[in-house]
Amino acid sequence: MKPYTVDTSALLVYLVDALPAEADHVFQRAEANEVSLELPTVAAVETLYRVKKGVTVRGTDVSGDPIEFADALETKLPVTVVEDDEGLLKSIPALMEQFPSQMHDAMVVGSHQRRGTEAIVTSDGKMAEECPTIWE
């Protein structure tokens, strides 16, 4: 089963059912257990934070209890939260120049690189400069 990395924005857009066709296709394949979607811990935490704080995604308000959302990550959503490790930590210095003010993005790219996933499901253009991405 081919693995893909998912960033926070892609997961939030998935939650409001507004993904563009290519990204939606990857999520549909994950729902059918044809591919796996890996959500780096940093992206999971960022998503919890945004859900707790409340965020507008594609015109839809998304908010909720972060404990319930954490449970949903484990039981209802087609993603698997993957842990960070020392290898990821050591990969970050090489990404600091490309992501000087967005270390969480560097960590998502680092996770993709370390875990050897096919691509990152994201709309982030900066990530697209560094590795394969899927969105449109």
Protein backbone atom coordinates (compact mmCIF):
# COMPACT_ATOMS: atom_id res chain seq x y z
CA MET A 1 0.00 0.00 0.00
CA LYS A 2 1.55 3.29 -1.08
CA PRO A 3 1.88 5.89 1.69
CA TYR A 4 1.24 9.63 1.31
CA THR A 5 1.91 12.44 3.79
CA VAL A 6 -0.93 14.82 4.66
CA ASP A 7 -0.52 18.35 6.01
CA THR A 8 -2.86 20.27 8.30
CA SER A 9 -4.51 22.32 5.58
CA ALA A 10 -5.35 19.27 3.49
CA LEU A 11 -6.92 17.52 6.47
CA LEU A 12 -8.99 20.59 7.34
CA VAL A 13 -10.23 20.94 3.75
CA TYR A 14 -11.08 17.23 3.79
CA LEU A 15 -13.18 17.77 6.92
CA VAL A 16 -15.38 20.30 5.08
CA ASP A 17 -15.55 18.11 1.96
CA ALA A 18 -13.94 20.70 -0.29
CA LEU A 19 -10.80 19.01 -1.59
CA PRO A 20 -9.91 19.53 -5.25
CA ALA A 21 -10.17 16.46 -7.48
CA GLU A 22 -6.64 15.02 -7.22
CA ALA A 23 -6.40 15.42 -3.45
CA ASP A 24 -9.91 14.08 -3.03
CA HIS A 25 -9.01 11.02 -5.11
CA VAL A 26 -6.12 10.20 -2.75
CA PHE A 27 -8.41 10.53 0.29
CA GLN A 28 -11.04 8.33 -1.42
CA ARG A 29 -8.38 5.70 -2.06
CA ALA A 30 -7.41 5.87 1.62
CA GLU A 31 -11.05 5.45 2.64
CA ALA A 32 -11.08 2.30 0.45
CA ASN A 33 -7.82 1.09 2.09
CA GLU A 34 -5.94 1.29 -1.21
CA VAL A 35 -3.31 3.77 0.06
CA SER A 36 -2.30 5.02 3.48
CA LEU A 37 -2.30 8.65 4.62
CA GLU A 38 0.32 9.62 7.17
CA LEU A 39 -0.28 12.68 9.32
CA PRO A 40 2.95 13.80 11.02
CA THR A 41 2.56 14.47 14.73
CA VAL A 42 3.27 18.18 14.24
CA ALA A 43 0.39 18.39 11.72
CA ALA A 44 -1.92 16.48 14.06
CA VAL A 45 -1.14 18.88 16.91
CA GLU A 46 -1.61 21.90 14.64
CA THR A 47 -4.98 20.51 13.52
CA LEU A 48 -6.07 19.98 17.14
CA TYR A 49 -5.06 23.55 17.94
CA ARG A 50 -7.00 24.97 15.00
CA VAL A 51 -10.08 22.90 15.79
CA LYS A 52 -10.01 24.03 19.43
CA LYS A 53 -9.45 27.67 18.47
CA GLY A 54 -11.96 27.55 15.62
CA VAL A 55 -11.02 28.19 12.02
CA THR A 56 -12.89 29.02 8.81
CA VAL A 57 -12.08 26.58 6.02
CA ARG A 58 -13.47 27.28 2.56
CA GLY A 59 -16.28 29.32 4.11
CA THR A 60 -17.17 26.70 6.72
CA ASP A 61 -16.50 27.16 10.43
CA VAL A 62 -14.61 24.24 11.92
CA SER A 63 -14.39 24.01 15.69
CA GLY A 64 -14.76 21.40 18.36
CA ASP A 65 -13.40 19.59 21.33
CA PRO A 66 -9.75 18.69 20.71
CA ILE A 67 -10.08 15.48 22.77
CA GLU A 68 -12.97 14.29 20.61
CA PHE A 69 -11.04 15.25 17.50
CA ALA A 70 -7.96 13.34 18.70
CA ASP A 71 -10.20 10.30 19.17
CA ALA A 72 -11.60 10.78 15.66
CA LEU A 73 -8.06 10.81 14.27
CA GLU A 74 -7.64 7.30 15.65
CA THR A 75 -11.05 5.87 14.84
CA LYS A 76 -12.93 7.75 12.13
CA LEU A 77 -10.59 9.55 9.75
CA PRO A 78 -8.56 7.85 7.00
CA VAL A 79 -5.22 9.03 8.39
CA THR A 80 -2.60 7.54 10.68
CA VAL A 81 -0.68 9.84 12.99
CA VAL A 82 3.02 9.05 12.65
CA GLU A 83 5.58 9.83 15.31
CA ASP A 84 8.60 12.02 14.90
CA ASP A 85 12.03 10.67 15.77
CA GLU A 86 15.66 11.70 16.08
CA GLY A 87 16.13 11.17 12.36
CA LEU A 88 13.50 13.80 11.62
CA LEU A 89 15.17 16.15 14.09
CA LYS A 90 18.48 15.71 12.29
CA SER A 91 16.86 16.33 8.89
CA ILE A 92 15.42 19.73 9.86
CA PRO A 93 18.62 21.85 9.69
CA ALA A 94 18.85 21.17 5.96
CA LEU A 95 15.30 22.51 5.55
CA MET A 96 15.61 25.64 7.70
CA GLU A 97 16.67 27.86 4.82
CA GLN A 98 13.68 26.85 2.67
CA PHE A 99 11.24 27.27 5.58
CA PRO A 100 12.76 30.02 7.76
CA SER A 101 9.52 31.02 9.47
CA GLN A 102 7.46 27.84 9.19
CA MET A 103 9.19 25.05 11.06
CA HIS A 104 6.01 22.96 11.08
CA ASP A 105 6.13 22.89 7.26
CA ALA A 106 9.80 21.87 7.39
CA MET A 107 8.81 19.06 9.75
CA VAL A 108 6.07 17.84 7.36
CA VAL A 109 8.56 17.84 4.47
CA GLY A 110 11.14 16.14 6.69
CA SER A 111 8.61 13.47 7.65
CA HIS A 112 7.80 12.87 3.98
CA GLN A 113 11.48 12.54 3.13
CA ARG A 114 12.39 10.34 6.11
CA ARG A 115 9.42 8.01 5.70
CA GLY A 116 9.69 7.81 1.91
CA THR A 117 6.07 8.62 1.12
CA GLU A 118 4.95 9.10 -2.48
CA ALA A 119 3.99 12.77 -2.10
CA ILE A 120 2.52 15.31 0.30
CA VAL A 121 -1.18 16.09 -0.04
CA THR A 122 -1.05 19.88 0.31
CA SER A 123 -1.83 23.16 -1.38
CA ASP A 124 1.42 24.65 -0.09
CA GLY A 125 3.49 25.99 -2.97
CA LYS A 126 6.67 26.13 -0.91
CA MET A 127 6.39 22.43 -0.15
CA ALA A 128 5.82 21.82 -3.87
CA GLU A 129 9.21 23.41 -4.55
CA GLU A 130 10.89 20.83 -2.30
CA CYS A 131 9.07 17.58 -3.03
CA PRO A 132 6.20 15.98 -4.96
CA THR A 133 2.77 17.21 -3.91
CA ILE A 134 -0.81 16.42 -4.81
CA TRP A 135 -3.58 19.00 -4.78
CA GLU A 136 -5.42 20.12 -7.94
